[in-house]
Amino acid sequence: MNWREIGVTVSSAGEEAVADLFYQLGCPGVSIEDPELLRSYVESGTWDYHDFGEVALTGTSVVKGYICEDEELQAKLRQLDEGLKELLRSFPDWVLQVKGLTVQEEDWATSWKAYFKPTRIGQRFLIKPTWEDVVPIPTDIILELDPGMAFGTGTHATTSLCLEALEEIVRPRTRVFDLGTGSGILAIAAAKLGAQVEAIDLDSVAVKVAQENVELNQVADQVRVQKGDLGSVLTGQADLVIANIIADVILMLLPDLKRILKDDGEFLASGIIEHRSPDVEEGMREHGLEVIEKREDSGWVLLRARWQRHASL
């Protein structure tokens, strides 16, 4: 099967908005190449070695989406074009350039591997691509991962913020719901900290990849991966609900949160570009939540929230 790779170069503030356009088209895979984030990892030593040369900061990112070249291709391209034009009308100062090419499915599934290196996150997590060798230290919690075409390697700020928070929150027997699990990295991390996890995703590719990664990390007895939305799949309530998605989807989830999050539970919302954080915070307040912690990294925000009457606990 052939896929049309559409690369949209956009001002960094527009990353999430463009990614959201691709998700609305039903793209099973969206990637964001952020030079600022890449250089920060190289210069900080987070990546022990790399082959990227000098990373130039341009103030822009490249958001790539993949659309199947079938009978719906042209209609989806027109929809994307209209969405991008609307963004330019709303934000005339943004850089916005579009390029497209045809790729084979196997190329799409493997070409990004050059950018995924062993990475340390937080105090204990060591993220290890399946094709790389590492020498762990005794306190390391190894997350072995092959994300395939699903989102989530741990190297993007949205995911690393979640991993750092999980280290502090999750205890043995914590019940966790991971909404939009992608590669399964957060579900696996929570399980290795002792949690029992329900991981869901609407994308069948993500569900397949997440299940494979769960088995690879030997936490299948702690993590159940399912395809579907929270209304049709999840039952009962969790101590912790994670949503590492995008701001608009998080806002859509808030009305259902009361059903799935315990009275003394916590909600971790990530994937929020900095300028959308006030919208999500306001939405949380309107639905009875209070933000107890806000973390930021490279223009991305994680919000940690509880039900208002438990905010002081």
Protein backbone atom coordinates (compact mmCIF):
# COMPACT_ATOMS: atom_id res chain seq x y z
CA MET A 1 0.00 0.00 0.00
CA ASN A 2 1.23 3.51 -0.82
CA TRP A 3 0.87 6.49 1.48
CA ARG A 4 1.05 10.20 0.81
CA GLU A 5 3.40 11.85 3.26
CA ILE A 6 2.41 15.48 3.75
CA GLY A 7 5.01 17.62 5.49
CA VAL A 8 3.81 20.97 6.80
CA THR A 9 6.48 23.41 7.93
CA VAL A 10 4.84 25.69 10.47
CA SER A 11 5.87 28.21 13.09
CA SER A 12 6.50 26.35 16.34
CA ALA A 13 3.35 27.82 17.91
CA GLY A 14 1.29 26.03 15.27
CA GLU A 15 2.53 22.47 15.85
CA GLU A 16 -0.55 21.30 17.69
CA ALA A 17 -3.02 23.03 15.36
CA VAL A 18 -1.54 21.36 12.28
CA ALA A 19 -1.27 17.98 14.01
CA ASP A 20 -4.94 18.30 14.91
CA LEU A 21 -5.84 18.82 11.22
CA PHE A 22 -4.13 15.53 10.39
CA TYR A 23 -5.92 13.72 13.21
CA GLN A 24 -9.25 15.06 11.95
CA LEU A 25 -8.46 13.45 8.59
CA GLY A 26 -8.02 10.10 10.32
CA CYS A 27 -4.25 9.91 9.83
CA PRO A 28 -2.96 6.84 11.67
CA GLY A 29 0.48 8.41 12.07
CA VAL A 30 1.55 12.01 12.79
CA SER A 31 5.10 13.06 13.62
CA ILE A 32 6.57 16.39 14.73
CA GLU A 33 10.18 17.29 13.99
CA ASP A 34 11.11 20.08 16.38
CA PRO A 35 14.69 21.39 15.92
CA GLU A 36 14.65 23.17 19.28
CA LEU A 37 13.76 19.98 21.12
CA LEU A 38 16.27 17.94 19.11
CA ARG A 39 19.13 20.33 19.85
CA SER A 40 18.23 20.44 23.53
CA TYR A 41 18.61 16.65 23.76
CA VAL A 42 21.92 16.70 21.89
CA GLU A 43 23.43 19.56 23.93
CA SER A 44 22.21 18.27 27.29
CA GLY A 45 23.75 14.85 26.73
CA THR A 46 20.38 13.12 26.99
CA TRP A 47 21.41 11.31 23.84
CA ASP A 48 24.87 9.90 24.42
CA TYR A 49 25.59 9.85 20.73
CA HIS A 50 23.91 11.08 17.56
CA ASP A 51 24.42 11.50 13.83
CA PHE A 52 22.58 14.76 13.28
CA GLY A 53 25.48 17.21 12.90
CA GLU A 54 24.76 20.81 13.81
CA VAL A 55 21.09 21.38 14.55
CA ALA A 56 19.95 24.84 13.43
CA LEU A 57 17.10 26.62 15.21
CA THR A 58 14.62 28.00 12.70
CA GLY A 59 11.60 28.85 14.83
CA THR A 60 9.62 26.31 12.85
CA SER A 61 8.71 22.64 13.12
CA VAL A 62 7.76 20.07 10.50
CA VAL A 63 4.52 18.22 11.13
CA LYS A 64 4.10 15.12 8.97
CA GLY A 65 0.91 13.21 8.39
CA TYR A 66 0.33 10.07 6.33
CA ILE A 67 -2.78 9.59 4.17
CA CYS A 68 -3.58 6.37 2.34
CA GLU A 69 -3.52 6.80 -1.46
CA ASP A 70 -7.02 5.46 -2.06
CA GLU A 71 -10.25 6.89 -3.47
CA GLU A 72 -10.57 9.29 -0.51
CA LEU A 73 -7.14 10.87 -0.98
CA GLN A 74 -8.17 13.91 -3.03
CA ALA A 75 -11.08 14.75 -0.74
CA LYS A 76 -8.80 14.58 2.29
CA LEU A 77 -6.18 16.74 0.60
CA ARG A 78 -8.84 19.38 -0.14
CA GLN A 79 -10.00 19.24 3.48
CA LEU A 80 -6.40 19.67 4.67
CA ASP A 81 -5.91 22.60 2.29
CA GLU A 82 -9.02 24.35 3.62
CA GLY A 83 -7.90 23.77 7.19
CA LEU A 84 -4.46 25.23 6.53
CA LYS A 85 -5.98 28.27 4.81
CA GLU A 86 -8.18 28.82 7.85
CA LEU A 87 -5.13 28.72 10.11
CA LEU A 88 -3.42 31.34 7.98
CA ARG A 89 -6.48 33.56 8.17
CA SER A 90 -6.45 33.23 11.96
CA PHE A 91 -2.66 33.51 12.34
CA PRO A 92 -1.33 35.51 9.37
CA ASP A 93 2.16 35.77 10.89
CA TRP A 94 2.74 32.01 10.90
CA VAL A 95 5.11 30.37 8.45
CA LEU A 96 3.15 27.67 6.62
CA GLN A 97 4.60 25.58 3.78
CA VAL A 98 3.39 22.25 2.46
CA LYS A 99 5.20 19.45 0.62
CA GLY A 100 4.01 15.98 -0.28
CA LEU A 101 5.50 12.75 -1.58
CA THR A 102 4.51 9.11 -1.94
CA VAL A 103 6.11 6.59 0.39
CA GLN A 104 5.90 2.83 0.75
CA GLU A 105 4.42 1.55 4.00
CA GLU A 106 7.64 -0.18 4.99
CA ASP A 107 9.59 3.07 4.47
CA TRP A 108 7.18 4.98 6.68
CA ALA A 109 7.44 2.35 9.40
CA THR A 110 11.25 2.43 9.60
CA SER A 111 12.67 5.72 8.29
CA TRP A 112 12.33 7.56 11.63
CA LYS A 113 14.49 5.04 13.50
CA ALA A 114 17.63 7.12 12.98
CA TYR A 115 16.15 9.70 15.36
CA PHE A 116 15.28 7.33 18.21
CA LYS A 117 18.21 6.72 20.56
CA PRO A 118 18.48 5.36 24.13
CA THR A 119 17.21 8.11 26.41
CA ARG A 120 17.08 8.68 30.16
CA ILE A 121 13.95 10.31 31.52
CA GLY A 122 13.45 11.35 35.13
CA GLN A 123 15.32 9.55 37.89
CA ARG A 124 15.01 5.94 36.77
CA PHE A 125 13.51 5.45 33.32
CA LEU A 126 15.83 4.32 30.53
CA ILE A 127 14.05 4.13 27.19
CA LYS A 128 15.70 1.59 24.94
CA PRO A 129 14.81 1.07 21.27
CA THR A 130 14.66 -2.64 20.53
CA TRP A 131 17.47 -2.33 17.97
CA GLU A 132 19.92 -0.53 20.33
CA ASP A 133 22.19 -1.92 23.06
CA VAL A 134 22.53 -0.21 26.45
CA VAL A 135 24.42 -0.81 29.67
CA PRO A 136 21.92 -0.17 32.48
CA ILE A 137 22.71 0.72 36.06
CA PRO A 138 21.02 -1.22 38.91
CA THR A 139 18.35 1.41 39.58
CA ASP A 140 17.24 1.72 35.93
CA ILE A 141 13.70 0.90 34.92
CA ILE A 142 14.11 -0.13 31.30
CA LEU A 143 11.34 0.62 28.83
CA GLU A 144 12.09 -1.36 25.69
CA LEU A 145 10.20 0.05 22.76
CA ASP A 146 9.48 -0.33 19.08
CA PRO A 147 6.88 2.38 18.37
CA GLY A 148 6.33 1.31 14.76
CA MET A 149 3.75 3.70 13.30
CA ALA A 150 2.28 4.68 16.68
CA PHE A 151 3.02 7.90 18.55
CA GLY A 152 5.25 7.83 21.62
CA THR A 153 8.99 7.25 21.99
CA GLY A 154 9.42 9.23 25.19
CA THR A 155 11.76 11.72 23.54
CA HIS A 156 9.10 14.36 22.89
CA ALA A 157 8.45 16.76 25.76
CA THR A 158 4.78 15.76 26.01
CA THR A 159 5.70 12.16 26.83
CA SER A 160 8.77 12.87 28.97
CA LEU A 161 6.71 15.23 31.15
CA CYS A 162 4.26 12.38 31.75
CA LEU A 163 7.01 9.90 32.58
CA GLU A 164 8.53 12.25 35.14
CA ALA A 165 5.13 12.76 36.76
CA LEU A 166 4.40 9.01 36.83
CA GLU A 167 7.57 8.43 38.84
CA GLU A 168 6.17 10.64 41.58
CA ILE A 169 2.53 9.55 41.50
CA VAL A 170 2.29 5.82 40.77
CA ARG A 171 2.52 3.34 43.62
CA PRO A 172 1.97 -0.44 43.69
CA ARG A 173 -1.65 -1.37 42.92
CA THR A 174 -2.51 2.09 41.55
CA ARG A 175 -5.25 1.67 38.94
CA VAL A 176 -4.43 3.67 35.80
CA PHE A 177 -6.41 4.47 32.65
CA ASP A 178 -4.18 5.52 29.72
CA LEU A 179 -6.30 7.28 27.09
CA GLY A 180 -4.79 7.34 23.60
CA THR A 181 -1.99 4.98 24.54
CA GLY A 182 -0.12 5.16 21.20
CA SER A 183 2.99 3.00 21.50
CA GLY A 184 1.98 2.05 25.05
CA ILE A 185 5.01 3.69 26.64
CA LEU A 186 3.11 5.37 29.49
CA ALA A 187 1.07 2.28 30.26
CA ILE A 188 4.24 0.18 30.39
CA ALA A 189 6.02 2.74 32.59
CA ALA A 190 3.10 2.80 35.03
CA ALA A 191 3.03 -1.00 35.13
CA LYS A 192 6.74 -1.18 35.89
CA LEU A 193 6.08 1.15 38.82
CA GLY A 194 3.50 -1.35 40.11
CA ALA A 195 0.22 -0.15 38.57
CA GLN A 196 -2.62 -2.08 36.97
CA VAL A 197 -3.38 -0.37 33.66
CA GLU A 198 -6.20 -0.15 31.13
CA ALA A 199 -4.76 1.30 27.90
CA ILE A 200 -7.04 2.33 25.05
CA ASP A 201 -6.68 3.86 21.61
CA LEU A 202 -9.01 4.46 18.66
CA ASP A 203 -6.28 3.53 16.16
CA SER A 204 -5.96 -0.19 15.42
CA VAL A 205 -2.29 0.26 14.48
CA ALA A 206 -1.56 1.81 17.87
CA VAL A 207 -3.41 -0.99 19.67
CA LYS A 208 -1.35 -3.61 17.83
CA VAL A 209 1.93 -1.82 18.52
CA ALA A 210 1.08 -1.17 22.16
CA GLN A 211 0.19 -4.83 22.74
CA GLU A 212 3.49 -5.92 21.19
CA ASN A 213 5.42 -3.51 23.40
CA VAL A 214 3.51 -4.65 26.50
CA GLU A 215 4.52 -8.24 25.78
CA LEU A 216 8.09 -7.21 24.97
CA ASN A 217 8.35 -5.56 28.40
CA GLN A 218 6.75 -8.57 30.14
CA VAL A 219 3.91 -6.59 31.75
CA ALA A 220 0.99 -8.31 30.00
CA ASP A 221 -0.38 -9.40 33.40
CA GLN A 222 -0.63 -5.72 34.41
CA VAL A 223 -1.66 -3.96 31.20
CA ARG A 224 -4.76 -4.58 29.11
CA VAL A 225 -4.77 -2.87 25.71
CA GLN A 226 -8.08 -2.31 23.93
CA LYS A 227 -9.39 -0.52 20.87
CA GLY A 228 -12.18 1.98 21.43
CA ASP A 229 -13.17 5.14 23.26
CA LEU A 230 -13.56 5.52 26.99
CA GLY A 231 -17.35 5.29 26.80
CA SER A 232 -17.42 1.90 25.11
CA VAL A 233 -14.39 0.26 26.71
CA LEU A 234 -13.65 1.48 30.21
CA THR A 235 -15.62 0.41 33.26
CA GLY A 236 -15.16 1.38 36.87
CA GLN A 237 -12.92 4.18 38.11
CA ALA A 238 -9.17 4.77 38.18
CA ASP A 239 -6.83 6.32 40.72
CA LEU A 240 -5.05 8.03 37.83
CA VAL A 241 -6.23 8.95 34.34
CA ILE A 242 -3.60 9.91 31.74
CA ALA A 243 -4.39 11.77 28.52
CA ASN A 244 -1.29 12.61 26.49
CA ILE A 245 -3.18 13.74 23.40
CA ILE A 246 -3.88 17.34 22.29
CA ALA A 247 -5.77 20.20 23.92
CA ASP A 248 -8.98 19.89 21.91
CA VAL A 249 -9.33 16.17 22.62
CA ILE A 250 -8.60 16.70 26.32
CA LEU A 251 -11.40 19.28 26.43
CA MET A 252 -13.73 16.76 24.82
CA LEU A 253 -12.83 14.17 27.48
CA LEU A 254 -13.58 16.36 30.49
CA PRO A 255 -17.36 15.78 30.65
CA ASP A 256 -16.79 12.00 30.94
CA LEU A 257 -13.99 12.24 33.47
CA LYS A 258 -16.34 12.13 36.48
CA ARG A 259 -17.42 8.63 35.50
CA ILE A 260 -13.93 7.15 35.24
CA LEU A 261 -11.85 9.04 37.84
CA LYS A 262 -12.20 8.34 41.56
CA ASP A 263 -13.19 11.11 43.95
CA ASP A 264 -9.63 11.21 45.30
CA GLY A 265 -8.01 10.41 41.94
CA GLU A 266 -5.71 12.49 39.78
CA PHE A 267 -5.77 13.51 36.12
CA LEU A 268 -2.61 14.00 34.06
CA ALA A 269 -3.20 15.96 30.86
CA SER A 270 -0.32 16.47 28.46
CA GLY A 271 0.19 17.17 24.76
CA ILE A 272 -0.87 20.78 25.38
CA ILE A 273 0.95 23.48 23.44
CA GLU A 274 1.74 26.42 25.72
CA HIS A 275 -0.74 28.91 24.26
CA ARG A 276 -3.63 26.43 24.69
CA SER A 277 -2.95 25.79 28.37
CA PRO A 278 -5.33 28.55 29.59
CA ASP A 279 -8.16 26.96 27.58
CA VAL A 280 -7.58 23.54 29.16
CA GLU A 281 -7.21 25.02 32.65
CA GLU A 282 -10.50 26.88 32.24
CA GLY A 283 -12.19 23.71 30.97
CA MET A 284 -10.91 21.81 33.99
CA ARG A 285 -12.30 24.40 36.38
CA GLU A 286 -15.68 24.32 34.64
CA HIS A 287 -15.83 20.54 35.16
CA GLY A 288 -14.88 20.63 38.85
CA LEU A 289 -11.13 20.09 38.63
CA GLU A 290 -8.36 22.16 40.14
CA VAL A 291 -4.85 22.23 38.72
CA ILE A 292 -2.39 21.34 41.47
CA GLU A 293 0.74 21.33 39.32
CA LYS A 294 1.81 22.71 35.97
CA ARG A 295 4.98 21.52 34.24
CA GLU A 296 6.47 23.00 31.08
CA ASP A 297 9.15 21.84 28.64
CA SER A 298 10.06 23.24 25.21
CA GLY A 299 6.75 25.05 24.82
CA TRP A 300 4.61 22.08 25.92
CA VAL A 301 2.58 21.83 29.12
CA LEU A 302 1.45 19.05 31.46
CA LEU A 303 -1.37 19.76 33.90
CA ARG A 304 -1.89 17.65 37.04
CA ALA A 305 -5.37 18.03 38.48
CA ARG A 306 -7.71 16.72 41.19
CA TRP A 307 -11.38 17.22 41.94
CA GLN A 308 -11.68 20.59 43.66
CA ARG A 309 -12.74 19.35 47.09
CA HIS A 310 -9.61 17.15 47.21
CA ALA A 311 -7.17 19.79 45.96
CA SER A 312 -5.71 20.39 49.39
CA LEU A 313 -4.91 16.73 50.11
